[in-house]
Amino acid sequence: MSNSKQHIVTRFAPSPTGLFHVGSYRTALFNYLFAKKHNGKLILRIEDTDKERSKKEFEENIYESFKWLGITFNETYRQSEQIASHTKHLKQLIADGYAYISKEEIVKEGGRSEVIRFKNPNTTITFTDLIRGDISFDTTDLGDFVIAKSIEEPLFHLAVVVDDYEEGVTHIIRGEDHISNTPRQILIRRALGAPEAIYAHIPLVLAPDRSKLSKRHGAKPVTEYKERGFFPEAVLNYMALLGWNPGTGQEIFSLAELVEVFDISKVQKGGAIFSEEKLRWFNREHLRKLPLNEIKTEILSQIKNNTEIIKNNWTIENDVFDRLLPIIEERIYTLHDVDTLINEGDFDYVFTQPEYDIKKIHWKKEEDLTNTTHYLSEIVTKLNTINSQSFTQTAIKEALWSFAEEKGKGNVLWPMRYALSGKDRSPDPFQLAELLGKDETLQRLQKAIQSL
């Protein structure tokens, strides 16, 4: 920054013409982090002057997304509310000779045949970008560019500059795709007598194939991640590290921690690759940081509201849920994954006794069902020696391990696991037995023996 005592004002200026993905909200996050880091002000400006494409539902989605993410603004307003100010400055530019009404014949709806152009001084513009250093443009190639359709209809470049000027925006942090807009806007700022702004053009977020990130390439609206069970803290954490890092090995941050360590000079120049798998990893790390009671509440809510659970009228005892919790935690990255696992039948054995396929109950080449029956009967005998209060994974394993090693771990432990879960894939038999409890474990083993 050129002046550390300067009161910093930044802004995020989305157009409500569609749903925004995480790459767009990352720009807002960088503005937020920069403003908070320097005790500055952050403005949300809804650029809604495109009356045909701007939709109320898209504007509402912007507000909803920021509310969920926890990004707050000092001021919020719509660009359409500033038309009077745009018009005032446009008239002044014409009066001062910086702009003029062009009588050229152009094809426009409504039969308009004139526009307002900025009188290009044909000079070289150089500005210092906080990320990219000095950037120069020869404005001659721009010609006299259009800044308004009419006195009452200013276009993008004029409206943006007037709004930034009126709001006292000191730092313009935006995507690198706006670099080419900067020379036009600097020319207008100078003509208005506005102070120079400081620019920082951040790299774009790219799809895995290095194309520009878009919904077509897998990016989803922020609110969709909310619906899919992601945590806002995880989304913010991942967004911050797309094209920036603090220069340390730390990856997991809270929003307050991000504010503390954010340094815009460490934003990278190259594009950042968005990966939903990496976002899922961040979500899993934030899930694991939650207090146990909060994790239990969130996951139990997912279970109780699951359509399969409701349809089958299944219930789960508190002690069984407490034992199931670590098994679920081990397998999920988002809360939505709980639904997926239940819907795919991964935890059916928790709620109902399994039905057995006799062909699957023995281990691989061990086709003598008499042996398998013997193994299961011996398991029942050994487990009966453990009292219900001590029926833990450790105690169960100690009771069975020597026998399993003697007869073949697969021969002994596979039938036990299949008898308890009825699944080709499930937690190990010791974990399953502890989860189900002694009485239920013995009942299922006896049922399996009878089926043989």
Protein backbone atom coordinates (compact mmCIF):
# COMPACT_ATOMS: atom_id res chain seq x y z
CA MET A 1 0.00 0.00 0.00
CA SER A 2 1.21 3.46 -0.77
CA ASN A 3 -0.10 5.03 2.44
CA SER A 4 -0.54 2.92 5.55
CA LYS A 5 -2.53 5.72 7.29
CA GLN A 6 -5.10 5.93 4.51
CA HIS A 7 -8.60 4.85 5.49
CA ILE A 8 -9.22 1.87 3.26
CA VAL A 9 -12.50 1.36 1.43
CA THR A 10 -13.07 -1.68 -0.80
CA ARG A 11 -16.10 -2.93 -2.65
CA PHE A 12 -17.58 -6.02 -4.25
CA ALA A 13 -19.87 -5.25 -7.18
CA PRO A 14 -21.79 -8.25 -8.56
CA SER A 15 -24.41 -8.02 -11.28
CA PRO A 16 -27.60 -9.97 -10.42
CA THR A 17 -27.78 -11.58 -13.84
CA GLY A 18 -27.11 -15.18 -12.79
CA LEU A 19 -26.01 -17.40 -9.91
CA PHE A 20 -22.42 -16.89 -8.78
CA HIS A 21 -19.98 -19.73 -8.13
CA VAL A 22 -17.18 -19.91 -5.58
CA GLY A 23 -14.69 -18.24 -7.92
CA SER A 24 -16.78 -15.06 -7.92
CA TYR A 25 -17.31 -15.10 -4.17
CA ARG A 26 -13.56 -15.49 -3.66
CA THR A 27 -13.21 -11.93 -5.00
CA ALA A 28 -15.61 -10.75 -2.30
CA LEU A 29 -13.66 -12.73 0.29
CA PHE A 30 -10.33 -11.13 -0.69
CA ASN A 31 -11.96 -7.68 -0.43
CA TYR A 32 -13.37 -8.63 2.97
CA LEU A 33 -10.06 -9.95 4.28
CA PHE A 34 -8.17 -6.90 3.04
CA ALA A 35 -10.66 -4.43 4.51
CA LYS A 36 -10.85 -6.22 7.87
CA LYS A 37 -7.08 -6.61 8.06
CA HIS A 38 -6.65 -2.83 7.77
CA ASN A 39 -9.76 -1.78 9.75
CA GLY A 40 -11.31 -0.46 6.56
CA LYS A 41 -14.79 -0.37 5.08
CA LEU A 42 -16.35 -2.91 2.71
CA ILE A 43 -19.22 -2.03 0.38
CA LEU A 44 -21.59 -4.36 -1.47
CA ARG A 45 -22.79 -2.70 -4.66
CA ILE A 46 -25.43 -4.56 -6.66
CA GLU A 47 -24.82 -3.49 -10.26
CA ASP A 48 -28.39 -3.85 -11.50
CA THR A 49 -28.50 -1.30 -14.31
CA ASP A 50 -28.93 -4.05 -16.92
CA LYS A 51 -32.70 -4.04 -16.56
CA GLU A 52 -33.33 -6.91 -18.96
CA ARG A 53 -30.94 -9.42 -17.39
CA SER A 54 -31.03 -8.37 -13.72
CA LYS A 55 -33.38 -10.58 -11.72
CA LYS A 56 -34.65 -10.25 -8.16
CA GLU A 57 -34.02 -13.94 -7.45
CA PHE A 58 -30.34 -13.58 -8.37
CA GLU A 59 -30.01 -10.57 -6.07
CA GLU A 60 -31.65 -12.50 -3.25
CA ASN A 61 -29.25 -15.39 -3.87
CA ILE A 62 -26.30 -13.01 -3.44
CA TYR A 63 -27.62 -11.86 -0.05
CA GLU A 64 -28.40 -15.42 1.04
CA SER A 65 -24.92 -16.60 0.03
CA PHE A 66 -23.15 -13.89 2.01
CA LYS A 67 -25.36 -14.49 5.03
CA TRP A 68 -24.46 -18.18 5.00
CA LEU A 69 -20.75 -17.51 4.44
CA GLY A 70 -20.66 -14.96 7.25
CA ILE A 71 -19.24 -12.17 5.07
CA THR A 72 -20.67 -8.84 6.25
CA PHE A 73 -20.63 -5.40 4.64
CA ASN A 74 -20.54 -1.91 6.08
CA GLU A 75 -22.82 -0.61 3.33
CA THR A 76 -25.08 -2.16 0.71
CA TYR A 77 -26.80 -0.43 -2.17
CA ARG A 78 -28.00 -0.88 -5.75
CA GLN A 79 -26.31 0.89 -8.63
CA SER A 80 -29.72 1.79 -10.08
CA GLU A 81 -30.22 4.03 -7.03
CA GLN A 82 -27.29 6.18 -8.16
CA ILE A 83 -28.53 7.15 -11.63
CA ALA A 84 -28.96 10.79 -10.61
CA SER A 85 -25.33 10.95 -9.57
CA HIS A 86 -24.21 9.26 -12.79
CA THR A 87 -26.18 11.78 -14.82
CA LYS A 88 -24.76 14.74 -12.89
CA HIS A 89 -21.18 13.67 -13.53
CA LEU A 90 -21.92 12.81 -17.15
CA LYS A 91 -23.25 16.32 -17.77
CA GLN A 92 -20.15 17.75 -16.10
CA LEU A 93 -17.86 15.68 -18.33
CA ILE A 94 -19.64 17.03 -21.40
CA ALA A 95 -19.53 20.60 -20.08
CA ASP A 96 -15.81 20.33 -19.35
CA GLY A 97 -15.07 18.95 -22.80
CA TYR A 98 -14.11 15.43 -21.69
CA ALA A 99 -17.12 13.82 -23.39
CA TYR A 100 -19.39 14.63 -26.28
CA ILE A 101 -22.65 13.57 -27.89
CA SER A 102 -21.96 11.59 -31.02
CA LYS A 103 -24.54 11.95 -33.78
CA GLU A 104 -23.43 8.80 -35.58
CA GLU A 105 -26.12 6.58 -37.02
CA ILE A 106 -26.34 3.37 -35.00
CA VAL A 107 -28.89 0.62 -34.88
CA LYS A 108 -30.52 0.59 -31.46
CA GLU A 109 -33.83 -0.43 -29.97
CA GLY A 110 -36.12 2.56 -29.72
CA GLY A 111 -34.52 4.25 -32.68
CA ARG A 112 -31.80 6.12 -30.78
CA SER A 113 -29.21 7.61 -33.09
CA GLU A 114 -26.78 9.16 -30.65
CA VAL A 115 -24.45 8.06 -27.88
CA ILE A 116 -22.05 9.83 -25.54
CA ARG A 117 -18.37 9.18 -26.06
CA PHE A 118 -15.38 9.94 -23.88
CA LYS A 119 -12.79 12.09 -25.66
CA ASN A 120 -9.66 9.95 -25.53
CA PRO A 121 -6.49 12.02 -24.91
CA ASN A 122 -4.49 9.25 -26.63
CA THR A 123 -1.93 8.90 -23.88
CA THR A 124 -0.10 6.16 -22.04
CA ILE A 125 -1.63 5.05 -18.76
CA THR A 126 0.59 3.37 -16.17
CA PHE A 127 -0.67 2.10 -12.85
CA THR A 128 0.84 -0.03 -10.11
CA ASP A 129 -1.02 -3.24 -9.43
CA LEU A 130 -0.54 -4.64 -5.92
CA ILE A 131 -0.19 -8.13 -7.37
CA ARG A 132 1.30 -7.61 -10.83
CA GLY A 133 3.45 -4.51 -10.41
CA ASP A 134 3.51 -1.71 -13.00
CA ILE A 135 1.14 -2.12 -15.95
CA SER A 136 1.09 0.27 -18.94
CA PHE A 137 -1.48 0.81 -21.70
CA ASP A 138 -1.39 2.99 -24.79
CA THR A 139 -4.96 4.29 -24.84
CA THR A 140 -4.77 5.30 -28.50
CA ASP A 141 -6.11 1.91 -29.52
CA LEU A 142 -9.25 2.51 -27.46
CA GLY A 143 -10.47 5.41 -29.59
CA ASP A 144 -13.21 7.65 -28.25
CA PHE A 145 -15.15 5.03 -26.31
CA VAL A 146 -18.85 5.06 -25.49
CA ILE A 147 -19.72 5.85 -21.86
CA ALA A 148 -23.51 6.33 -22.11
CA LYS A 149 -26.44 5.50 -24.35
CA SER A 150 -27.96 8.85 -23.38
CA ILE A 151 -27.78 11.36 -20.54
CA GLU A 152 -30.03 9.11 -18.41
CA GLU A 153 -28.38 5.85 -19.44
CA PRO A 154 -24.72 5.71 -18.42
CA LEU A 155 -22.85 2.52 -19.27
CA PHE A 156 -20.57 0.30 -17.21
CA HIS A 157 -17.30 2.28 -17.22
CA LEU A 158 -18.85 5.59 -16.25
CA ALA A 159 -21.24 4.15 -13.65
CA VAL A 160 -18.47 2.14 -11.96
CA VAL A 161 -16.10 5.09 -11.77
CA VAL A 162 -18.75 7.48 -10.43
CA ASP A 163 -19.86 4.98 -7.80
CA ASP A 164 -16.29 4.29 -6.67
CA TYR A 165 -15.63 8.05 -6.52
CA GLU A 166 -18.80 8.86 -4.58
CA GLU A 167 -18.22 6.02 -2.12
CA GLY A 168 -14.56 6.92 -1.58
CA VAL A 169 -13.31 3.51 -2.73
CA THR A 170 -9.54 3.47 -2.29
CA HIS A 171 -8.67 -0.09 -3.32
CA ILE A 172 -10.25 -1.93 -6.24
CA ILE A 173 -9.68 -5.67 -5.83
CA ARG A 174 -11.16 -7.65 -8.69
CA GLY A 175 -10.50 -10.44 -11.19
CA GLU A 176 -7.73 -10.18 -13.75
CA ASP A 177 -10.34 -10.19 -16.51
CA HIS A 178 -10.95 -6.53 -15.56
CA ILE A 179 -7.38 -5.41 -16.30
CA SER A 180 -8.37 -4.26 -19.78
CA ASN A 181 -11.11 -2.06 -18.24
CA THR A 182 -8.65 -0.20 -16.03
CA PRO A 183 -7.19 2.32 -18.54
CA ARG A 184 -10.66 3.53 -19.57
CA GLN A 185 -11.68 3.89 -15.95
CA ILE A 186 -8.50 5.72 -15.00
CA LEU A 187 -9.09 8.22 -17.84
CA ILE A 188 -12.62 8.85 -16.56
CA ARG A 189 -11.42 9.18 -12.95
CA ARG A 190 -8.89 11.80 -13.96
CA ALA A 191 -11.47 13.71 -15.98
CA LEU A 192 -13.78 13.74 -12.94
CA GLY A 193 -10.97 14.91 -10.68
CA ALA A 194 -11.29 11.77 -8.60
CA PRO A 195 -8.26 10.62 -6.59
CA GLU A 196 -6.29 7.71 -8.01
CA ALA A 197 -7.46 4.30 -6.80
CA ILE A 198 -5.11 1.43 -6.01
CA TYR A 199 -5.74 -1.71 -8.06
CA ALA A 200 -5.19 -5.39 -7.35
CA HIS A 201 -6.18 -7.83 -10.08
CA ILE A 202 -6.40 -11.34 -8.71
CA PRO A 203 -5.95 -14.47 -10.85
CA LEU A 204 -9.01 -16.26 -12.15
CA VAL A 205 -10.20 -19.53 -10.68
CA LEU A 206 -9.89 -22.24 -13.31
CA ALA A 207 -11.61 -25.54 -13.93
CA PRO A 208 -9.48 -28.72 -13.74
CA ASP A 209 -8.90 -28.52 -17.52
CA ARG A 210 -7.58 -24.95 -16.96
CA SER A 211 -10.57 -23.38 -18.72
CA LYS A 212 -12.36 -20.50 -17.01
CA LEU A 213 -14.42 -21.79 -14.11
CA SER A 214 -18.11 -21.91 -14.83
CA LYS A 215 -21.15 -23.92 -13.80
CA ARG A 216 -20.76 -25.90 -17.01
CA HIS A 217 -17.31 -26.95 -15.77
CA GLY A 218 -18.49 -28.17 -12.38
CA ALA A 219 -18.68 -24.98 -10.35
CA LYS A 220 -21.90 -24.63 -8.37
CA PRO A 221 -23.66 -21.71 -6.68
CA VAL A 222 -22.55 -21.18 -3.09
CA THR A 223 -26.04 -21.94 -1.83
CA GLU A 224 -25.87 -25.37 -3.48
CA TYR A 225 -22.87 -26.23 -1.31
CA LYS A 226 -24.97 -25.23 1.68
CA GLU A 227 -27.71 -27.62 0.56
CA ARG A 228 -25.17 -30.41 0.09
CA GLY A 229 -23.98 -30.30 3.67
CA PHE A 230 -20.80 -28.25 3.38
CA PHE A 231 -19.78 -25.90 6.17
CA PRO A 232 -19.37 -22.18 5.34
CA GLU A 233 -16.08 -22.15 7.26
CA ALA A 234 -14.70 -24.85 4.94
CA VAL A 235 -15.87 -23.08 1.78
CA LEU A 236 -14.29 -19.81 2.94
CA ASN A 237 -11.08 -21.60 3.93
CA TYR A 238 -10.76 -23.25 0.53
CA MET A 239 -11.70 -20.11 -1.40
CA ALA A 240 -9.00 -18.13 0.42
CA LEU A 241 -6.32 -20.60 -0.61
CA LEU A 242 -7.31 -20.47 -4.29
CA GLY A 243 -4.50 -18.29 -5.58
CA TRP A 244 -3.18 -17.18 -2.19
CA ASN A 245 -1.32 -18.75 0.69
CA PRO A 246 0.15 -17.33 3.88
CA GLY A 247 3.63 -18.66 3.18
CA THR A 248 3.40 -21.27 5.94
CA GLY A 249 2.39 -24.90 6.03
CA GLN A 250 -0.93 -24.16 7.70
CA GLU A 251 -4.02 -25.00 5.65
CA ILE A 252 -6.94 -24.97 8.08
CA PHE A 253 -8.13 -21.50 9.08
CA SER A 254 -11.15 -19.88 10.65
CA LEU A 255 -12.37 -16.64 9.09
CA ALA A 256 -10.84 -14.64 11.96
CA GLU A 257 -7.51 -16.39 11.44
CA LEU A 258 -7.63 -15.61 7.71
CA VAL A 259 -8.12 -11.92 8.50
CA GLU A 260 -5.12 -12.04 10.81
CA VAL A 261 -2.70 -13.57 8.29
CA PHE A 262 -4.00 -12.17 5.00
CA ASP A 263 -1.40 -10.35 2.92
CA ILE A 264 -2.51 -9.29 -0.55
CA SER A 265 1.08 -9.18 -1.76
CA LYS A 266 1.14 -12.97 -1.43
CA VAL A 267 -1.67 -13.46 -3.95
CA GLN A 268 -0.26 -15.48 -6.83
CA LYS A 269 -0.23 -14.26 -10.43
CA GLY A 270 -1.20 -17.60 -11.96
CA GLY A 271 -4.71 -19.02 -12.10
CA ALA A 272 -5.84 -21.36 -9.32
CA ILE A 273 -7.42 -24.74 -10.08
CA PHE A 274 -10.75 -25.46 -8.40
CA SER A 275 -11.17 -29.02 -7.17
CA GLU A 276 -14.34 -30.18 -5.47
CA GLU A 277 -12.43 -33.13 -4.01
CA LYS A 278 -10.08 -30.68 -2.30
CA LEU A 279 -13.06 -28.69 -1.05
CA ARG A 280 -14.48 -31.91 0.38
CA TRP A 281 -11.18 -32.51 2.17
CA PHE A 282 -11.33 -29.05 3.73
CA ASN A 283 -14.90 -29.72 4.81
CA ARG A 284 -13.86 -32.97 6.47
CA GLU A 285 -11.11 -31.18 8.39
CA HIS A 286 -13.56 -28.53 9.62
CA LEU A 287 -16.06 -31.25 10.53
CA ARG A 288 -13.44 -32.89 12.70
CA LYS A 289 -12.76 -29.60 14.49
CA LEU A 290 -16.36 -29.27 15.67
CA PRO A 291 -17.11 -29.96 19.35
CA LEU A 292 -18.37 -33.52 19.84
CA ASN A 293 -21.84 -32.41 20.94
CA GLU A 294 -22.21 -30.30 17.81
CA ILE A 295 -21.10 -33.17 15.56
CA LYS A 296 -23.56 -35.50 17.29
CA THR A 297 -26.41 -33.02 16.86
CA GLU A 298 -25.69 -32.45 13.16
CA ILE A 299 -25.32 -36.13 12.25
CA LEU A 300 -28.27 -37.30 14.38
CA SER A 301 -30.42 -34.67 12.67
CA GLN A 302 -29.36 -36.04 9.26
CA ILE A 303 -30.27 -39.57 10.36
CA LYS A 304 -33.66 -38.68 11.83
CA ASN A 305 -34.66 -36.64 8.76
CA ASN A 306 -33.44 -39.16 6.21
CA THR A 307 -36.20 -40.33 3.89
CA GLU A 308 -35.23 -44.02 4.12
CA ILE A 309 -35.18 -43.90 7.93
CA ILE A 310 -38.61 -42.25 7.98
CA LYS A 311 -40.05 -44.58 5.34
CA ASN A 312 -38.97 -47.70 7.24
CA ASN A 313 -39.92 -46.21 10.61
CA TRP A 314 -36.43 -47.02 11.91
CA THR A 315 -35.16 -45.68 15.22
CA ILE A 316 -31.76 -45.73 16.86
CA GLU A 317 -30.97 -46.00 20.54
CA ASN A 318 -28.73 -43.32 22.04
CA ASP A 319 -26.02 -45.77 23.09
CA VAL A 320 -26.01 -47.40 19.63
CA PHE A 321 -25.77 -43.98 17.98
CA ASP A 322 -22.82 -43.04 20.20
CA ARG A 323 -21.01 -46.18 19.01
CA LEU A 324 -22.04 -45.61 15.39
CA LEU A 325 -20.82 -42.00 15.39
CA PRO A 326 -17.08 -42.70 14.91
CA ILE A 327 -17.88 -45.13 12.07
CA ILE A 328 -19.89 -42.41 10.30
CA GLU A 329 -17.26 -39.73 10.97
CA GLU A 330 -14.60 -41.95 9.44
CA ARG A 331 -16.51 -42.17 6.15
CA ILE A 332 -18.04 -38.75 5.54
CA TYR A 333 -16.69 -35.50 4.15
CA THR A 334 -19.96 -33.54 4.25
CA LEU A 335 -23.19 -33.93 6.19
CA HIS A 336 -24.90 -34.85 2.92
CA ASP A 337 -22.70 -37.96 2.82
CA VAL A 338 -24.68 -39.30 5.80
CA ASP A 339 -27.78 -39.39 3.61
CA THR A 340 -25.86 -40.98 0.75
CA LEU A 341 -24.54 -43.79 2.97
CA ILE A 342 -27.96 -44.48 4.46
CA ASN A 343 -29.73 -44.36 1.08
CA GLU A 344 -27.20 -46.79 -0.39
CA GLY A 345 -27.91 -49.22 2.46
CA ASP A 346 -24.49 -49.00 4.10
CA PHE A 347 -25.97 -48.86 7.60
CA ASP A 348 -29.06 -51.04 7.21
CA TYR A 349 -27.54 -53.53 9.66
CA VAL A 350 -27.76 -50.92 12.44
CA PHE A 351 -31.54 -50.70 12.17
CA THR A 352 -32.60 -54.22 11.16
CA GLN A 353 -31.23 -57.74 11.25
CA PRO A 354 -29.68 -58.72 7.91
CA GLU A 355 -30.79 -61.50 5.59
CA TYR A 356 -28.00 -63.88 4.56
CA ASP A 357 -26.81 -65.21 1.24
CA ILE A 358 -25.44 -68.64 2.21
CA LYS A 359 -23.00 -68.51 -0.69
CA LYS A 360 -21.31 -65.47 0.85
CA ILE A 361 -21.08 -66.47 4.49
CA HIS A 362 -17.98 -68.64 4.17
CA TRP A 363 -14.52 -67.29 3.43
CA LYS A 364 -13.37 -67.61 -0.19
CA LYS A 365 -12.31 -71.23 -0.84
CA GLU A 366 -13.59 -72.49 2.53
CA GLU A 367 -16.70 -74.15 1.10
CA ASP A 368 -17.27 -76.66 3.92
CA LEU A 369 -20.19 -75.06 5.74
CA THR A 370 -19.63 -77.46 8.64
CA ASN A 371 -16.33 -75.69 9.34
CA THR A 372 -17.98 -72.28 9.07
CA THR A 373 -20.72 -73.40 11.48
CA HIS A 374 -18.03 -74.58 13.89
CA TYR A 375 -16.18 -71.26 13.68
CA LEU A 376 -19.33 -69.26 14.38
CA SER A 377 -20.32 -71.53 17.28
CA GLU A 378 -16.86 -71.14 18.82
CA ILE A 379 -17.14 -67.35 18.44
CA VAL A 380 -20.44 -67.44 20.34
CA THR A 381 -18.88 -69.47 23.11
CA LYS A 382 -15.93 -67.11 23.48
CA LEU A 383 -18.04 -63.95 23.35
CA ASN A 384 -20.31 -65.31 26.07
CA THR A 385 -17.37 -65.04 28.47
CA ILE A 386 -17.39 -61.22 28.15
CA ASN A 387 -19.94 -59.36 30.26
CA SER A 388 -22.14 -56.77 28.56
CA GLN A 389 -20.50 -53.77 30.23
CA SER A 390 -17.05 -54.85 28.97
CA PHE A 391 -18.17 -55.72 25.46
CA THR A 392 -15.66 -53.47 23.66
CA GLN A 393 -13.62 -53.85 20.50
CA THR A 394 -10.51 -54.50 22.57
CA ALA A 395 -12.10 -57.20 24.72
CA ILE A 396 -13.76 -58.87 21.72
CA LYS A 397 -10.51 -58.97 19.77
CA GLU A 398 -8.60 -60.40 22.74
CA ALA A 399 -11.21 -63.16 23.09
CA LEU A 400 -11.08 -64.18 19.43
CA TRP A 401 -7.64 -63.35 18.07
CA SER A 402 -5.77 -66.53 19.02
CA PHE A 403 -8.58 -68.69 17.63
CA ALA A 404 -8.63 -66.64 14.40
CA GLU A 405 -4.85 -67.01 13.99
CA GLU A 406 -5.09 -70.76 14.58
CA LYS A 407 -7.91 -71.41 12.11
CA GLY A 408 -7.16 -68.64 9.64
CA LYS A 409 -8.24 -65.06 10.19
CA GLY A 410 -10.34 -65.00 7.03
CA ASN A 411 -12.02 -68.32 7.88
CA VAL A 412 -13.08 -67.05 11.30
CA LEU A 413 -13.54 -63.30 10.99
CA TRP A 414 -15.22 -63.06 7.59
CA PRO A 415 -18.24 -65.24 8.61
CA MET A 416 -18.51 -63.23 11.82
CA ARG A 417 -18.50 -59.91 9.99
CA TYR A 418 -20.98 -61.12 7.36
CA ALA A 419 -23.26 -62.57 10.04
CA LEU A 420 -23.35 -59.21 11.84
CA SER A 421 -23.78 -56.93 8.81
CA GLY A 422 -24.99 -59.00 5.85
CA LYS A 423 -22.70 -56.77 3.75
CA ASP A 424 -19.75 -57.47 1.49
CA ARG A 425 -18.20 -54.30 2.91
CA SER A 426 -18.59 -53.13 6.47
CA PRO A 427 -16.51 -52.17 9.51
CA ASP A 428 -14.34 -54.88 11.02
CA PRO A 429 -16.16 -57.55 13.08
CA PHE A 430 -14.82 -56.27 16.43
CA GLN A 431 -16.15 -52.77 15.73
CA LEU A 432 -19.46 -54.21 14.51
CA ALA A 433 -19.88 -56.35 17.62
CA GLU A 434 -19.24 -53.41 19.95
CA LEU A 435 -21.64 -51.26 17.91
CA LEU A 436 -24.47 -53.80 18.09
CA GLY A 437 -23.89 -54.76 21.71
CA LYS A 438 -23.53 -58.22 23.20
CA ASP A 439 -27.15 -59.38 23.03
CA GLU A 440 -27.72 -58.32 19.42
CA THR A 441 -24.34 -59.71 18.34
CA LEU A 442 -25.09 -63.13 19.81
CA GLN A 443 -28.60 -63.16 18.31
CA ARG A 444 -27.23 -62.49 14.82
CA LEU A 445 -24.51 -65.09 15.14
CA GLN A 446 -27.07 -67.69 16.24
CA LYS A 447 -29.32 -66.72 13.34
CA ALA A 448 -26.42 -67.21 10.92
CA ILE A 449 -25.65 -70.62 12.44
CA GLN A 450 -29.28 -71.66 12.05
CA SER A 451 -29.29 -70.52 8.41
CA LEU A 452 -26.38 -72.85 7.72
